[in-house]
Protein backbone atom coordinates (compact mmCIF):
# COMPACT_ATOMS: atom_id res chain seq x y z
CA MET A 1 115.70 73.41 116.07
CA LEU A 2 118.97 72.10 114.69
CA GLN A 3 121.59 74.76 114.07
CA THR A 4 122.84 74.81 110.51
CA PHE A 5 126.16 76.00 109.20
CA GLU A 6 125.45 77.18 105.68
CA VAL A 7 126.82 80.52 104.53
CA THR A 8 123.85 82.89 104.61
CA ALA A 9 125.48 85.93 103.02
CA ARG A 10 128.55 86.46 100.88
CA PRO A 11 130.47 89.71 100.32
CA GLU A 12 130.38 89.31 96.55
CA GLN A 13 126.56 89.39 96.57
CA GLY A 14 126.52 92.94 97.91
CA PRO A 15 127.88 95.03 95.02
CA PRO A 16 125.26 94.03 92.39
CA ARG A 17 122.48 94.51 94.91
CA LEU A 18 123.87 97.91 95.82
CA SER A 19 123.95 98.81 92.13
CA ALA A 20 120.30 97.78 91.80
CA LEU A 21 119.39 99.91 94.81
CA ARG A 22 121.22 102.89 93.34
CA ALA A 23 119.34 102.45 90.08
CA GLN A 24 116.12 102.54 92.10
CA LEU A 25 117.30 105.76 93.81
CA ALA A 26 117.90 107.32 90.40
CA ARG A 27 114.45 106.32 89.15
CA GLU A 28 112.81 107.93 92.17
CA GLY A 29 114.97 111.06 92.22
CA LEU A 30 116.52 110.28 95.62
CA ASP A 31 120.06 110.70 96.89
CA GLY A 32 120.05 107.86 99.40
CA PHE A 33 118.12 105.22 101.30
CA ILE A 34 118.53 104.06 104.90
CA VAL A 35 118.49 100.28 105.47
CA PRO A 36 118.17 99.38 109.17
CA ARG A 37 118.42 95.99 110.85
CA ALA A 38 114.94 96.54 112.29
CA ASP A 39 111.52 95.28 111.28
CA ALA A 40 108.15 96.98 111.82
CA HIS A 41 107.91 95.58 115.36
CA GLN A 42 111.28 97.03 116.43
CA GLY A 43 112.47 93.94 118.25
CA GLU A 44 116.17 93.06 118.14
CA TYR A 45 115.71 89.93 116.04
CA VAL A 46 114.11 89.81 112.60
CA ALA A 47 112.51 87.17 110.41
CA ALA A 48 114.10 86.16 107.12
CA ARG A 49 111.75 88.46 105.21
CA ASP A 50 113.03 91.46 107.16
CA ALA A 51 116.76 90.70 106.94
CA ARG A 52 117.26 93.54 104.46
CA LEU A 53 120.56 94.73 105.90
CA ALA A 54 122.13 91.28 105.59
CA TRP A 55 120.69 90.78 102.10
CA LEU A 56 122.07 94.07 100.82
CA THR A 57 125.46 94.23 102.55
CA GLY A 58 126.32 90.72 103.78
CA PHE A 59 126.62 91.97 107.37
CA THR A 60 124.68 89.67 109.71
CA GLY A 61 125.16 91.35 113.10
CA SER A 62 122.18 91.99 115.38
CA ALA A 63 122.52 95.79 115.33
CA GLY A 64 123.52 98.39 112.75
CA PHE A 65 122.30 99.95 109.53
CA CYS A 66 123.42 100.99 106.08
CA ILE A 67 123.01 104.32 104.33
CA ALA A 68 123.30 103.80 100.59
CA LEU A 69 124.02 107.03 98.69
CA ARG A 70 124.69 107.49 94.98
CA ASP A 71 128.47 107.18 95.38
CA VAL A 72 129.15 105.79 98.87
CA ALA A 73 127.50 103.25 101.18
CA GLY A 74 128.25 103.28 104.89
CA VAL A 75 127.65 100.25 107.12
CA PHE A 76 127.28 101.50 110.70
CA ILE A 77 128.45 98.99 113.31
CA ASP A 78 129.17 99.17 117.03
CA GLY A 79 132.19 97.77 118.85
CA ARG A 80 130.87 94.20 118.90
CA TYR A 81 131.09 93.87 115.13
CA ARG A 82 134.18 95.75 113.98
CA THR A 83 136.10 92.57 113.41
CA GLN A 84 133.17 90.64 111.94
CA VAL A 85 132.20 93.32 109.41
CA LYS A 86 135.62 93.20 107.76
CA ALA A 87 134.99 89.64 106.62
CA GLN A 88 131.35 90.09 105.66
CA VAL A 89 131.10 93.17 103.44
CA ALA A 90 132.70 93.99 100.09
CA ALA A 91 134.95 96.98 99.46
CA GLU A 92 131.99 98.90 98.03
CA PHE A 93 130.69 99.25 101.61
CA THR A 94 132.52 101.44 104.10
CA PRO A 95 132.37 100.40 107.79
CA VAL A 96 131.47 103.37 109.99
CA PRO A 97 132.08 103.30 113.77
CA TRP A 98 128.72 103.84 115.44
CA PRO A 99 127.48 105.44 117.69
CA GLU A 100 130.72 107.45 117.70
CA VAL A 101 129.70 108.68 114.23
CA SER A 102 125.99 109.42 114.08
CA MET A 103 123.74 109.05 111.07
CA ALA A 104 123.30 112.83 110.83
CA ALA A 105 127.01 113.63 111.15
CA TRP A 106 127.89 111.16 108.40
CA LEU A 107 125.16 112.47 106.10
CA ARG A 108 126.34 116.05 106.62
CA GLN A 109 129.86 114.99 105.63
CA GLN A 110 128.79 112.99 102.58
CA LEU A 111 126.12 115.43 101.32
CA PRO A 112 127.61 118.86 102.04
CA THR A 113 125.23 120.57 99.60
CA GLY A 114 122.15 118.72 100.82
CA GLY A 115 120.00 115.98 99.35
CA ARG A 116 116.91 113.81 99.70
CA VAL A 117 117.47 110.66 101.77
CA ALA A 118 114.59 108.20 101.95
CA TYR A 119 113.48 105.88 104.72
CA ASP A 120 110.68 103.40 105.35
CA PRO A 121 108.54 104.83 108.21
CA TRP A 122 107.66 101.33 109.39
CA LEU A 123 111.33 100.56 110.13
CA HIS A 124 112.48 103.59 112.15
CA THR A 125 111.28 104.66 115.56
CA VAL A 126 109.84 108.05 116.39
CA GLU A 127 112.89 108.78 118.51
CA GLN A 128 115.34 107.90 115.73
CA ILE A 129 113.63 110.14 113.18
CA THR A 130 113.09 113.04 115.60
CA GLN A 131 116.72 113.06 116.72
CA THR A 132 118.10 112.71 113.19
CA GLN A 133 115.90 115.44 111.77
CA ALA A 134 116.95 117.79 114.57
CA ALA A 135 120.62 117.02 113.93
CA LEU A 136 120.18 117.65 110.19
CA GLU A 137 118.54 121.04 110.64
CA GLY A 138 120.16 123.65 108.41
CA SER A 139 122.07 121.04 106.38
CA GLY A 140 119.82 121.04 103.32
CA ILE A 141 119.34 117.29 103.83
CA THR A 142 115.72 116.15 103.91
CA LEU A 143 114.47 112.81 105.20
CA VAL A 144 111.78 111.54 102.83
CA GLN A 145 109.27 108.80 103.64
CA THR A 146 108.90 106.16 100.95
CA GLY A 147 107.96 102.56 100.56
CA ASN A 148 110.81 100.14 101.11
CA LEU A 149 113.25 100.40 98.20
CA VAL A 150 115.03 97.16 99.11
CA ASP A 151 111.75 95.26 98.87
CA ARG A 152 111.30 96.63 95.34
CA ILE A 153 114.54 95.05 94.14
CA TRP A 154 114.58 91.87 96.29
CA ALA A 155 113.07 89.41 93.81
CA ASP A 156 113.09 86.30 96.01
CA GLN A 157 112.25 87.96 99.32
CA PRO A 158 110.78 85.38 101.75
CA ALA A 159 107.13 85.55 102.75
CA PRO A 160 106.12 87.04 106.12
CA PRO A 161 106.25 84.51 108.96
CA ASN A 162 102.94 82.79 109.65
CA ASN A 163 103.50 80.30 112.43
CA PRO A 164 100.87 79.22 114.97
CA ALA A 165 100.69 80.84 118.38
CA LYS A 166 100.23 78.80 121.54
CA ALA A 167 99.07 79.52 125.07
CA HIS A 168 101.81 79.90 127.70
CA PRO A 169 100.76 77.83 130.75
CA LEU A 170 99.87 79.73 133.90
CA GLU A 171 102.25 77.56 135.94
CA PHE A 172 105.12 79.21 134.05
CA ALA A 173 103.58 82.65 133.43
CA GLY A 174 102.64 83.13 137.09
CA GLU A 175 99.85 85.60 136.30
CA THR A 176 96.78 85.47 134.06
CA HIS A 177 96.60 87.80 131.09
CA ASP A 178 93.35 89.15 132.55
CA ALA A 179 95.29 90.31 135.60
CA LYS A 180 98.08 91.76 133.47
CA ARG A 181 95.65 93.70 131.30
CA ALA A 182 93.88 95.04 134.39
CA ARG A 183 97.16 96.05 136.01
CA LEU A 184 98.41 97.91 132.95
CA ALA A 185 95.05 99.49 132.16
CA ALA A 186 95.06 100.95 135.67
CA THR A 187 98.28 102.79 134.85
CA LEU A 188 96.62 104.23 131.75
CA ALA A 189 93.65 105.44 133.82
CA GLN A 190 95.96 106.99 136.37
CA ALA A 191 97.75 108.88 133.58
CA GLY A 192 94.50 110.00 131.96
CA GLU A 193 95.20 108.02 128.77
CA LYS A 194 92.67 106.13 126.67
CA ALA A 195 94.94 103.49 125.13
CA VAL A 196 98.51 102.42 124.40
CA VAL A 197 99.98 100.90 121.24
CA ILE A 198 102.23 97.86 121.72
CA THR A 199 104.59 96.85 118.92
CA LEU A 200 107.34 94.75 120.53
CA PRO A 201 106.75 91.03 119.93
CA ASP A 202 107.95 89.94 123.38
CA SER A 203 105.72 92.54 125.07
CA LEU A 204 102.73 91.30 123.10
CA CYS A 205 103.47 87.71 124.08
CA TRP A 206 104.07 88.56 127.72
CA LEU A 207 100.86 90.57 127.98
CA LEU A 208 98.61 87.88 126.49
CA ASN A 209 100.48 84.82 127.84
CA ILE A 210 101.14 83.47 124.39
CA ARG A 211 104.25 82.25 122.61
CA GLY A 212 105.01 81.62 118.95
CA ALA A 213 107.64 80.96 116.32
CA ASP A 214 107.69 83.97 114.01
CA ILE A 215 111.35 84.74 114.83
CA GLU A 216 113.95 81.99 114.71
CA ARG A 217 115.19 81.05 118.21
CA ASN A 218 112.74 83.51 119.84
CA PRO A 219 109.29 82.19 120.84
CA VAL A 220 107.35 85.29 119.78
CA VAL A 221 104.38 86.18 117.61
CA HIS A 222 104.32 89.07 115.16
CA GLY A 223 101.45 91.47 115.62
CA PHE A 224 100.40 94.88 116.87
CA ALA A 225 98.12 95.50 119.84
CA VAL A 226 96.14 98.35 121.30
CA LEU A 227 95.45 98.03 125.03
CA HIS A 228 92.48 100.20 126.03
CA VAL A 229 91.81 101.77 129.41
CA ASN A 230 88.80 99.42 129.79
CA GLN A 231 91.26 96.46 129.85
CA THR A 232 90.32 95.17 126.38
CA VAL A 233 92.85 94.56 123.63
CA ASP A 234 92.57 94.86 119.88
CA LEU A 235 95.13 92.51 118.33
CA TYR A 236 96.18 92.98 114.69
CA ALA A 237 97.88 89.88 113.32
CA ILE A 238 97.38 87.09 110.82
CA THR A 239 94.26 85.66 112.43
CA THR A 240 94.89 82.02 111.50
CA LYS A 241 97.88 82.03 113.87
CA PHE A 242 95.40 82.03 116.73
CA ASP A 243 93.17 79.16 115.65
CA GLY A 244 92.27 77.19 118.76
CA LEU A 245 93.21 79.99 121.15
CA GLU A 246 89.78 81.63 121.36
CA ALA A 247 89.13 80.30 124.87
CA HIS A 248 92.58 81.34 126.07
CA LEU A 249 92.30 84.89 124.74
CA GLY A 250 88.70 85.34 125.83
CA PRO A 251 86.12 87.92 124.70
CA GLU A 252 88.16 90.93 125.82
CA VAL A 253 90.87 90.25 123.24
CA ARG A 254 89.56 91.01 119.75
CA LEU A 255 91.39 89.70 116.67
CA HIS A 256 91.74 91.75 113.47
CA ALA A 257 93.65 91.38 110.21
CA PRO A 258 96.94 93.31 110.03
CA ASP A 259 95.75 95.60 107.25
CA ALA A 260 93.10 97.02 109.59
CA PHE A 261 95.71 98.41 111.99
CA LEU A 262 96.37 101.88 110.56
CA ASP A 263 92.68 102.58 109.94
CA ALA A 264 91.96 101.64 113.55
CA LEU A 265 94.65 104.03 114.78
CA ARG A 266 93.08 106.88 112.80
CA ASN A 267 89.80 106.30 114.62
CA LEU A 268 91.23 106.19 118.15
CA GLU A 269 90.31 108.95 120.57
CA GLY A 270 93.36 110.31 122.37
CA PRO A 271 95.38 110.54 124.32
CA VAL A 272 97.01 107.32 123.02
CA ARG A 273 100.42 106.43 124.41
CA ILE A 274 103.27 105.34 122.18
CA ASP A 275 106.84 104.59 123.18
CA ALA A 276 109.05 106.86 121.09
CA GLY A 277 111.93 104.40 121.43
CA THR A 278 110.03 101.42 120.02
CA ALA A 279 107.05 102.69 118.01
CA PRO A 280 107.61 103.05 114.25
CA GLN A 281 107.31 106.58 112.90
CA ILE A 282 104.27 105.62 110.84
CA ILE A 283 102.28 104.99 114.04
CA ALA A 284 102.92 108.54 115.28
CA ASP A 285 102.08 109.95 111.86
CA THR A 286 98.82 108.00 111.72
CA LEU A 287 97.70 108.91 115.24
CA GLY A 288 98.56 112.57 114.72
CA ASP A 289 97.49 114.80 117.60
CA ALA A 290 96.04 111.83 119.50
CA ALA A 291 99.55 110.49 120.18
CA ILE A 292 101.50 111.19 123.33
CA THR A 293 104.83 109.62 124.21
CA GLY A 294 105.56 107.57 127.30
CA ALA A 295 107.13 104.35 128.49
CA GLU A 296 105.91 101.12 126.95
CA PRO A 297 103.80 99.75 129.85
CA CYS A 298 104.82 96.08 129.47
CA ALA A 299 108.55 96.75 129.68
CA LEU A 300 109.12 96.97 133.44
CA PRO A 301 106.48 94.42 134.52
CA LYS A 302 107.93 91.97 131.98
CA ALA A 303 111.46 92.65 133.22
CA CYS A 304 110.57 92.16 136.90
CA LYS A 305 109.90 88.44 136.93
CA ASN A 306 107.34 87.01 139.33
CA PRO A 307 108.19 84.04 141.59
CA ALA A 308 106.91 81.46 139.09
CA GLU A 309 109.09 82.92 136.33
CA ILE A 310 112.16 83.12 138.57
CA GLU A 311 111.82 79.57 139.85
CA GLY A 312 111.13 78.32 136.33
CA SER A 313 114.29 80.00 135.11
CA ALA A 314 116.28 78.56 138.01
CA ALA A 315 115.01 75.05 137.22
CA ALA A 316 115.78 75.45 133.52
CA HIS A 317 119.32 76.56 134.37
CA LEU A 318 119.97 73.45 136.44
CA ARG A 319 119.00 71.18 133.57
CA ASP A 320 120.91 73.37 131.14
CA GLY A 321 123.93 73.26 133.44
CA ALA A 322 123.89 69.46 133.26
CA ALA A 323 124.01 69.66 129.45
CA MET A 324 126.93 72.11 129.69
CA VAL A 325 128.85 69.80 132.02
CA GLU A 326 128.34 66.80 129.75
CA MET A 327 129.61 68.87 126.83
CA LEU A 328 132.67 70.23 128.72
CA PHE A 329 133.50 66.71 129.88
CA TRP A 330 133.11 65.41 126.32
CA ILE A 331 135.51 68.05 124.95
CA ASP A 332 138.12 67.10 127.51
CA GLN A 333 137.94 63.43 126.48
CA GLN A 334 138.77 64.10 122.82
CA PRO A 335 142.40 64.12 121.61
CA VAL A 336 143.74 67.61 120.96
CA GLY A 337 143.33 68.48 117.30
CA SER A 338 140.48 66.02 116.71
CA LEU A 339 137.51 68.37 117.10
CA SER A 340 136.09 71.19 115.03
CA GLU A 341 133.80 74.06 116.01
CA THR A 342 130.75 72.54 114.32
CA GLN A 343 131.25 69.28 116.22
CA VAL A 344 131.19 71.21 119.49
CA VAL A 345 127.97 72.98 118.49
CA ARG A 346 126.28 69.73 117.47
CA GLN A 347 127.35 67.90 120.60
CA LEU A 348 126.10 70.63 122.92
CA GLU A 349 122.76 70.66 121.13
CA HIS A 350 122.63 66.87 121.45
CA PHE A 351 122.97 67.12 125.23
CA ARG A 352 120.38 69.90 125.48
CA ARG A 353 117.86 67.99 123.38
CA ARG A 354 117.70 65.24 126.00
CA ASP A 355 115.42 67.62 127.93
CA ASN A 356 111.80 67.34 126.78
CA ALA A 357 111.13 70.91 127.94
CA LEU A 358 113.59 72.27 125.36
CA GLN A 359 111.77 74.09 122.57
CA ASP A 360 114.78 75.52 120.72
CA ILE A 361 118.20 76.95 121.30
CA SER A 362 117.96 80.59 122.40
CA PHE A 363 120.37 81.86 119.73
CA GLU A 364 122.87 80.45 117.27
CA THR A 365 125.62 78.90 119.39
CA ILE A 366 128.89 80.82 119.27
CA ALA A 367 131.81 78.37 119.24
CA GLY A 368 134.94 80.24 118.21
CA THR A 369 138.38 78.74 118.63
CA GLY A 370 141.71 80.54 118.31
CA PRO A 371 141.34 83.77 116.29
CA ASN A 372 137.63 83.07 115.73
CA GLY A 373 137.09 83.57 119.45
CA ALA A 374 137.99 87.23 119.01
CA ILE A 375 134.91 87.72 116.79
CA MET A 376 132.41 88.53 119.51
CA HIS A 377 129.31 87.20 117.74
CA TYR A 378 131.05 84.61 115.57
CA ARG A 379 128.81 82.18 113.71
CA VAL A 380 130.61 79.10 112.46
CA THR A 381 129.83 78.01 108.89
CA GLU A 382 130.92 75.12 106.73
CA GLU A 383 133.57 77.42 105.26
CA THR A 384 134.93 78.84 108.53
CA ASP A 385 134.79 75.63 110.59
CA THR A 386 138.13 75.46 112.42
CA THR A 387 139.94 72.72 114.30
CA LEU A 388 140.51 73.13 118.04
CA GLU A 389 144.31 73.06 118.16
CA ALA A 390 146.84 72.91 120.99
CA GLY A 391 147.24 76.30 122.62
CA HIS A 392 143.80 77.51 121.50
CA LEU A 393 141.05 78.88 123.65
CA ILE A 394 137.47 78.22 122.54
CA VAL A 395 134.63 80.59 123.48
CA ILE A 396 131.32 78.71 123.77
CA ASP A 397 128.35 81.06 124.17
CA SER A 398 124.99 79.30 124.01
CA GLY A 399 121.59 78.87 125.54
CA GLY A 400 118.26 77.10 125.39
CA GLN A 401 114.61 78.06 125.14
CA TYR A 402 112.83 75.88 127.69
CA LEU A 403 109.13 76.02 128.54
CA ASP A 404 110.05 77.27 132.01
CA GLY A 405 112.90 79.64 131.16
CA THR A 406 115.48 81.02 128.78
CA THR A 407 119.17 80.28 129.38
CA ASP A 408 122.36 81.97 128.20
CA ILE A 409 125.79 80.88 129.42
CA THR A 410 129.35 81.33 128.19
CA ARG A 411 132.46 79.40 129.08
CA THR A 412 135.97 79.72 127.65
CA VAL A 413 137.93 76.48 127.57
CA ALA A 414 141.64 75.75 127.14
CA ILE A 415 142.71 73.29 124.46
CA GLY A 416 146.05 71.83 125.46
CA THR A 417 148.40 74.25 127.21
CA PRO A 418 147.15 77.84 126.97
CA PRO A 419 149.49 80.84 126.46
CA GLU A 420 150.37 82.72 129.65
CA GLU A 421 149.07 86.04 128.31
CA ALA A 422 145.72 84.37 127.66
CA ARG A 423 145.67 82.94 131.19
CA ALA A 424 146.38 86.38 132.64
CA ALA A 425 143.61 87.99 130.60
CA PHE A 426 141.22 85.16 131.49
CA THR A 427 141.90 85.63 135.19
CA ARG A 428 141.18 89.36 134.90
CA VAL A 429 137.91 88.62 133.12
CA LEU A 430 137.04 86.13 135.85
CA ALA A 431 137.91 88.69 138.54
CA GLY A 432 135.49 91.15 136.93
CA MET A 433 132.75 88.54 136.74
CA ILE A 434 133.26 87.68 140.40
CA ALA A 435 133.27 91.34 141.45
CA ILE A 436 129.84 91.85 139.89
CA SER A 437 128.53 88.56 141.31
CA ARG A 438 129.56 89.57 144.86
CA LEU A 439 128.18 93.08 144.59
CA ARG A 440 125.64 94.69 146.92
CA TRP A 441 124.35 98.10 145.92
CA PRO A 442 121.80 100.67 147.09
CA GLU A 443 118.31 100.46 145.64
CA GLY A 444 117.77 102.89 142.77
CA LEU A 445 121.07 102.41 140.95
CA ALA A 446 121.09 101.61 137.24
CA GLY A 447 123.38 99.38 135.22
CA SER A 448 125.50 102.40 134.27
CA HIS A 449 126.34 102.95 137.94
CA ILE A 450 127.84 99.52 138.55
CA GLU A 451 129.07 98.06 135.25
CA ALA A 452 132.57 99.56 135.61
CA ILE A 453 133.17 97.23 138.55
CA GLY A 454 133.20 94.30 136.13
CA ARG A 455 135.79 96.03 133.95
CA MET A 456 138.18 97.27 136.63
CA PRO A 457 140.57 94.27 136.66
CA LEU A 458 141.03 94.65 132.90
CA TRP A 459 141.33 98.45 133.10
CA LEU A 460 144.14 98.12 135.63
CA ALA A 461 146.04 96.14 132.99
CA GLY A 462 145.26 98.63 130.20
CA GLN A 463 142.66 96.31 128.64
CA ASP A 464 138.92 96.48 127.93
CA PHE A 465 136.16 95.04 125.74
CA ASP A 466 133.70 96.63 123.32
CA HIS A 467 130.36 95.22 124.39
CA GLY A 468 128.07 95.78 127.32
CA LEU A 469 128.70 93.92 130.55
CA GLY A 470 125.21 92.44 130.55
CA HIS A 471 121.75 92.36 129.01
CA GLY A 472 118.31 91.49 130.27
CA VAL A 473 116.86 88.03 129.60
CA GLY A 474 113.22 87.02 129.23
CA ALA A 475 111.20 84.18 130.76
CA TYR A 476 110.85 81.78 127.82
CA LEU A 477 111.02 84.89 125.66
CA SER A 478 113.80 86.88 124.02
CA VAL A 479 117.31 86.10 125.19
CA HIS A 480 118.03 89.84 124.90
CA GLU A 481 115.37 91.76 126.81
CA GLY A 482 115.06 95.41 127.75
CA PRO A 483 114.95 97.80 129.36
CA GLN A 484 117.40 96.49 131.98
CA ARG A 485 121.08 96.36 131.04
CA LEU A 486 124.52 96.39 132.61
CA SER A 487 125.80 99.12 130.35
CA ARG A 488 127.45 102.50 130.70
CA ILE A 489 124.47 104.06 128.90
CA SER A 490 121.66 102.35 130.84
CA GLN A 491 119.69 104.61 133.17
CA VAL A 492 117.00 102.07 134.12
CA PRO A 493 117.19 101.30 137.86
CA LEU A 494 117.80 97.65 138.66
CA MET A 495 114.81 96.12 140.44
CA PRO A 496 114.07 92.80 142.17
CA GLY A 497 113.11 90.08 139.70
CA MET A 498 115.16 91.42 136.79
CA ILE A 499 117.31 88.76 135.14
CA LEU A 500 120.56 89.96 133.59
CA SER A 501 123.70 88.43 132.17
CA ASN A 502 127.10 89.09 133.72
CA GLU A 503 129.55 88.61 130.86
CA PRO A 504 132.88 90.42 130.81
CA GLY A 505 135.32 89.45 128.07
CA TYR A 506 138.58 90.20 126.34
CA TYR A 507 139.42 89.88 122.64
CA ARG A 508 142.84 89.87 120.97
CA GLU A 509 142.14 90.15 117.24
CA GLY A 510 143.89 87.43 115.28
CA ALA A 511 144.84 85.50 118.42
CA PHE A 512 142.13 84.57 120.95
CA GLY A 513 138.91 85.58 122.65
CA ILE A 514 137.68 85.21 126.22
CA ARG A 515 134.20 85.57 127.67
CA LEU A 516 132.55 84.25 130.83
CA GLU A 517 128.84 84.57 131.44
CA ASN A 518 126.34 83.65 134.12
CA LEU A 519 122.75 84.81 134.41
CA LEU A 520 121.81 86.52 137.67
CA VAL A 521 118.52 87.73 139.14
CA VAL A 522 118.22 90.90 141.23
CA GLN A 523 116.90 90.33 144.74
CA ASN A 524 116.55 92.23 148.02
CA ALA A 525 119.75 91.91 150.01
CA PRO A 526 119.58 90.87 153.65
CA ALA A 527 120.56 93.42 156.27
CA LEU A 528 124.12 93.26 157.56
CA PRO A 529 125.30 93.89 161.14
CA GLY A 530 126.33 97.51 161.40
CA GLY A 531 124.64 98.45 158.10
CA ASP A 532 122.28 101.37 157.63
CA ALA A 533 118.89 100.06 158.68
CA HIS A 534 117.11 102.69 156.59
CA ARG A 535 119.02 101.96 153.39
CA ALA A 536 117.50 99.29 151.14
CA MET A 537 120.13 97.23 149.35
CA LEU A 538 120.04 94.78 146.45
CA ASP A 539 122.23 91.87 145.44
CA TRP A 540 122.19 88.90 143.08
CA ARG A 541 121.04 85.32 143.03
CA THR A 542 123.11 83.29 140.60
CA LEU A 543 121.05 81.16 138.23
CA ALA A 544 123.69 79.51 135.99
CA PHE A 545 125.91 76.70 137.23
CA ALA A 546 128.78 75.21 135.23
CA PRO A 547 132.51 74.94 136.04
CA ILE A 548 134.99 77.64 135.10
CA ASP A 549 138.16 76.24 133.53
CA ARG A 550 140.73 76.13 136.35
CA ARG A 551 143.55 75.58 133.84
CA LEU A 552 143.09 79.17 132.68
CA ILE A 553 143.21 80.70 136.16
CA ILE A 554 146.34 82.23 137.69
CA PRO A 555 145.32 82.00 141.37
CA GLU A 556 147.71 84.66 142.63
CA LEU A 557 145.96 87.25 140.45
CA LEU A 558 142.74 86.72 142.42
CA ASP A 559 142.41 88.29 145.85
CA PRO A 560 141.33 86.06 148.78
CA ASP A 561 137.67 87.14 148.60
CA ALA A 562 137.52 86.32 144.89
CA ARG A 563 139.12 82.91 145.45
CA ALA A 564 136.62 82.22 148.23
CA TRP A 565 133.72 83.16 145.95
CA LEU A 566 135.04 80.90 143.18
CA ASN A 567 135.53 77.95 145.51
CA ASP A 568 132.04 78.40 146.94
CA TYR A 569 130.55 78.70 143.45
CA HIS A 570 132.30 75.52 142.34
CA THR A 571 131.01 73.73 145.43
CA GLN A 572 127.49 74.75 144.44
CA VAL A 573 128.10 73.57 140.86
CA ALA A 574 129.22 70.15 142.11
CA THR A 575 126.28 69.91 144.53
CA LYS A 576 123.55 71.11 142.18
CA ILE A 577 124.72 69.63 138.89
CA GLY A 578 126.61 66.52 139.97
CA PRO A 579 123.48 64.40 140.60
CA ARG A 580 122.14 65.34 137.15
CA VAL A 581 125.01 64.04 134.99
CA SER A 582 126.45 60.66 134.04
CA PRO A 583 128.83 58.93 136.49
CA ALA A 584 131.85 59.62 134.25
CA ALA A 585 130.91 63.30 133.90
CA LYS A 586 130.34 63.46 137.68
CA GLN A 587 133.86 62.20 138.31
CA TRP A 588 135.24 64.81 135.88
CA LEU A 589 133.10 67.53 137.48
CA ASP A 590 134.44 66.77 140.96
CA ALA A 591 137.97 67.39 139.70
CA ALA A 592 136.95 70.45 137.67
CA THR A 593 135.38 72.09 140.73
CA ALA A 594 138.15 71.32 143.21
CA PRO A 595 139.25 74.34 145.29
CA ILE A 596 142.05 76.56 144.04
C-alpha cells in the first residue's frame, strides 16, 4: 500500500531502447511500430508488465502513445502532460500534441511515400484501427499486425500479474451477480444477440462481484469474459486466482485458462456483441462475421450506482474527509520551510491507514508545491522532492480505496503568504467549482453540455486549463470510470447514481498550480415553485467534505450566491467531519470553516 518515491523511468534510458527497437524494425522489414499506453484489456491503468510506453520513452502519463519510425519517434500527449513530458523524455523523442495531431496525419507527414507500420492487435481497439486505416487511405501507408516488438527487446520484462481475486460483499455491491447477469442477458435477448465479450477489468469485476489486485491502486482482476444470452459466463483468466471462490461464482460461471480464449471465440455462434471502443482488434478478427458492434453492457449499469453503492461511497468519504482534515491541520502546524512533498504524502497516508476499511490508496498521491504544482499529474520522487516554501501553493490530489467506496479529493493550500495573482486565480477556480456544484439541469444532458459552466470564471479572465472538468468514479473500483465524464467531448447523458469529480484548475508553468476537487453524485432534483412540472431535472449530492483554504479566497470576486454556497458547505464540513477528528484538529477546523 505504501507509496514509494523511486524514479521509475529516466530519459537517458530511452535512446538505447529506441535503437534496439529500430534494429528490430530493420530485421522485420518494417518502417515503424506503434507503442500505446494500453494493455489487452483496454483499461486506463496497466500492470508493470504492460508499461511498454514508459519503458521505451520514459513518459509515465496515463494516456498517450509513441510511434517509433526509422528516423523519428513521436510521443503523443494530451494537454495534461505537455509540461510533464518535457522532463521525462530524451531529445530523440518528439512530443506531439494529441488529439490535435492525429496518428494518421502525423504518419502521412513523416512517411510521404508510404510505408509499413506495425501494431500489436491485442493493444489497439477496433475503433482505433478502423478510424486510422480510413484516415490513411490513399497514403501508401499500411498498418501491419505483428507480435509485440517491444516485448521482443525487453529482456527483464515483469511477469503477468497473478494476484488472488476475492468476493465483493453484497452489503457493498447492493446486487447479486446472478441478478446482474440476468439483467444484462435480457438486453442481449432483446437485441437478438447470443453473447457479448467483456474485456474491461472493472466491468468484469462489477459483473461478477469480485475484486482483485492485478493493477496497482485499482482493485481489479485481469481476465476476459463472454456473457451468454442464457445468463451464463465463460471466464478466461489464470484459474488459480479464483481458488476458494467456487461457491461465490456458482455453476453458471465457468473458469477457463487464458489461452483458451481465442479458440472459444472462433466457435461462438453470432451475433456476438463487442464494444468497438474497448475491444482489442484481435477479438474482432477472431470472431469474424459473428461480431457486431454495440455498447459494452456493463458500462451504464456500473456507472449508475445503486443505493448501497452510493451510501457506501458517502460513508467512505466522511472517514476520508477526517483523514484530510487531520493532514491539513498537521501542515498548518509545521514551520514554513520545514516540510517536503514526500513528508506530506506519507503523513496523509498515515492518517488514511487508521481506517481498517482502507485497502489501498486510489492512485499515487499528487503533492506538488510551487512550480511542481503546475505539472497536472506530478509524481514526487526522491530526486524531485521539494520543500514547501513561503509563498508557495501546494496541490494535494489523493484518494483511498475503501471496501465501501473509492475517494478522490483535491485541495490547494497556501504556504505562508500567497501571491495575489495566485489568490485571484484560485478564487476563479473556486467560483467554477461552486457553479457546477449548484447546478440544476434538464434530464438528458451530457457532460459536454454543462462543463463550460465550471470554466466560465476563468474564461472571463482569459484563462483556462487543459484537462477535463470531471471524470467518473467507481464503487471500490477504478478511480477513473467511464462512460460518464464532465468533458467537452462527452456525449453520454448524465443519469441518477453516476458519481463524477468536479475539479477545475489553473496552472502557471514554472510558478504554481491550482486544483480543487469534490466528488458528486447525480440525483433527481426536487421540483421548484413555478418550475415546469413536466420537465424532469437533475442536480448533485456532494460526497466529499474537507475545508477549502480561506486564505486563498478573495471574497469580493465571489458573487453572493457563491459565498452562500461556500459558507453552507463549510458548515456541513464542520458538522459532518468535526466529530471524527482529534480535539486539536476540531478546533482548527472550526476556524478553517468560519464564514467569509
